[in-house]
Amino acid sequence: MQVITRGGRSIVEGEPGERLLESPEDILEVIGTCMERRTREALLYAENLTERFFDLSSGEAGTILQKLRNYRIRLAVVAPTGGVPQSSRFGEMLADEMRGNEFRIFEDKDAAEAWLVGERAS
């Protein structure tokens, strides 16, 4: 993981193309890095997440998102449309999440960063 700065704010970012979370408990590493860097924003790529994150029946997304909520860490995930298969229930959960301000999925890194720091995407 690395820490990037945008709009004067730090964001913990996963490495594109690498699996970061083998199990939902591995999100604690992301949380720890956020706490060390005094940030509440994380940007991960679809491939950083557990294999079954996008299958809501696995419970992995719920476990990961709840742990992040407990620490008030916002998560932006870069997952281009069609790039990762999602269960139908995942789509329903995502629609519910769009009402809040804690989790979003984006087509590209720029849009994800902009959301995390409260900028309008260009």
Protein backbone atom coordinates (compact mmCIF):
# COMPACT_ATOMS: atom_id res chain seq x y z
CA MET A 1 0.00 0.00 0.00
CA GLN A 2 1.04 3.55 -0.55
CA VAL A 3 -0.19 6.91 0.65
CA ILE A 4 -1.06 9.54 -1.93
CA THR A 5 -2.07 13.15 -1.41
CA ARG A 6 -4.86 14.93 -3.22
CA GLY A 7 -6.50 18.19 -2.28
CA GLY A 8 -4.22 18.36 0.74
CA ARG A 9 -5.57 15.06 2.09
CA SER A 10 -3.90 11.69 2.46
CA ILE A 11 -5.42 8.56 0.92
CA VAL A 12 -4.23 5.01 1.54
CA GLU A 13 -4.11 3.28 -1.85
CA GLY A 14 -3.77 -0.38 -2.76
CA GLU A 15 -1.44 -1.49 -5.54
CA PRO A 16 -3.32 -2.01 -8.83
CA GLY A 17 -3.29 -5.60 -10.03
CA GLU A 18 -2.38 -7.16 -6.67
CA ARG A 19 -4.48 -9.16 -4.21
CA LEU A 20 -4.32 -7.36 -0.88
CA LEU A 21 -7.10 -9.12 1.03
CA GLU A 22 -7.09 -12.90 1.12
CA SER A 23 -9.81 -12.89 3.78
CA PRO A 24 -12.10 -10.22 5.23
CA GLU A 25 -9.89 -9.99 8.34
CA ASP A 26 -7.05 -8.67 6.19
CA ILE A 27 -8.87 -5.32 6.02
CA LEU A 28 -7.27 -4.69 9.42
CA GLU A 29 -4.00 -3.99 7.60
CA VAL A 30 -5.68 -1.24 5.59
CA ILE A 31 -7.27 0.14 8.76
CA GLY A 32 -3.91 0.08 10.54
CA THR A 33 -2.23 1.95 7.71
CA CYS A 34 -5.02 4.54 7.73
CA MET A 35 -4.62 5.03 11.49
CA GLU A 36 -0.81 5.33 11.19
CA ARG A 37 -1.16 7.93 8.45
CA ARG A 38 -4.00 9.75 10.23
CA THR A 39 -6.42 9.42 7.35
CA ARG A 40 -9.97 8.15 7.02
CA GLU A 41 -9.85 7.54 3.26
CA ALA A 42 -8.89 4.35 1.43
CA LEU A 43 -8.78 3.66 -2.30
CA LEU A 44 -8.65 0.04 -3.38
CA TYR A 45 -8.88 -1.69 -6.73
CA ALA A 46 -11.22 -4.61 -7.40
CA GLU A 47 -8.26 -6.96 -7.56
CA ASN A 48 -7.13 -5.82 -4.07
CA LEU A 49 -10.31 -7.21 -2.54
CA THR A 50 -11.15 -10.78 -1.54
CA GLU A 51 -12.10 -13.14 -4.36
CA ARG A 52 -15.73 -13.22 -3.25
CA PHE A 53 -16.18 -9.57 -2.26
CA PHE A 54 -18.58 -8.93 -5.15
CA ASP A 55 -20.68 -12.01 -4.31
CA LEU A 56 -22.92 -10.71 -1.55
CA SER A 57 -23.88 -14.23 -0.45
CA SER A 58 -20.30 -14.76 0.77
CA GLY A 59 -20.71 -12.12 3.47
CA GLU A 60 -17.22 -10.81 2.74
CA ALA A 61 -18.30 -7.38 1.54
CA GLY A 62 -20.51 -6.89 4.59
CA THR A 63 -17.73 -7.89 6.99
CA ILE A 64 -15.18 -5.63 5.31
CA LEU A 65 -17.49 -2.63 5.06
CA GLN A 66 -18.62 -2.98 8.68
CA LYS A 67 -15.04 -3.03 9.94
CA LEU A 68 -14.30 0.11 7.94
CA ARG A 69 -17.43 1.78 9.33
CA ASN A 70 -16.36 0.94 12.87
CA TYR A 71 -13.24 3.04 12.27
CA ARG A 72 -15.07 5.64 10.17
CA ILE A 73 -12.95 4.93 7.13
CA ARG A 74 -14.44 5.70 3.73
CA LEU A 75 -13.71 3.30 0.88
CA ALA A 76 -13.58 4.01 -2.83
CA VAL A 77 -13.11 0.99 -5.09
CA VAL A 78 -11.97 1.24 -8.70
CA ALA A 79 -13.87 -1.46 -10.59
CA PRO A 80 -14.72 -0.60 -14.21
CA THR A 81 -18.14 -1.75 -15.42
CA GLY A 82 -18.01 -5.31 -16.68
CA GLY A 83 -14.53 -5.85 -15.25
CA VAL A 84 -15.69 -7.83 -12.23
CA PRO A 85 -18.76 -10.06 -12.07
CA GLN A 86 -21.18 -8.96 -9.35
CA SER A 87 -24.04 -10.91 -7.84
CA SER A 88 -27.49 -9.37 -8.30
CA ARG A 89 -27.70 -8.86 -4.55
CA PHE A 90 -24.41 -6.96 -4.61
CA GLY A 91 -26.01 -4.48 -6.99
CA GLU A 92 -28.89 -4.03 -4.57
CA MET A 93 -26.49 -3.43 -1.68
CA LEU A 94 -24.54 -0.95 -3.77
CA ALA A 95 -27.71 0.99 -4.53
CA ASP A 96 -28.36 1.25 -0.78
CA GLU A 97 -24.77 2.34 -0.15
CA MET A 98 -25.16 5.18 -2.65
CA ARG A 99 -27.47 6.88 -0.13
CA GLY A 100 -24.61 7.19 2.33
CA ASN A 101 -21.12 8.60 2.11
CA GLU A 102 -18.97 5.66 3.18
CA PHE A 103 -18.54 3.40 0.15
CA ARG A 104 -18.59 3.85 -3.62
CA ILE A 105 -17.39 2.07 -6.75
CA PHE A 106 -15.83 4.08 -9.57
CA GLU A 107 -14.77 3.54 -13.16
CA ASP A 108 -11.35 5.15 -12.65
CA LYS A 109 -8.88 6.33 -10.04
CA ASP A 110 -9.41 10.06 -10.67
CA ALA A 111 -13.14 9.85 -9.91
CA ALA A 112 -12.46 7.76 -6.79
CA GLU A 113 -9.89 10.23 -5.47
CA ALA A 114 -12.17 13.18 -6.18
CA TRP A 115 -15.01 11.59 -4.20
CA LEU A 116 -12.75 10.80 -1.26
CA VAL A 117 -11.55 14.39 -0.94
CA GLY A 118 -14.89 15.99 -1.77
CA GLU A 119 -13.97 17.39 -5.18
CA ARG A 120 -16.12 17.30 -8.25
CA ALA A 121 -14.79 14.86 -10.79
CA SER A 122 -13.58 16.57 -13.95
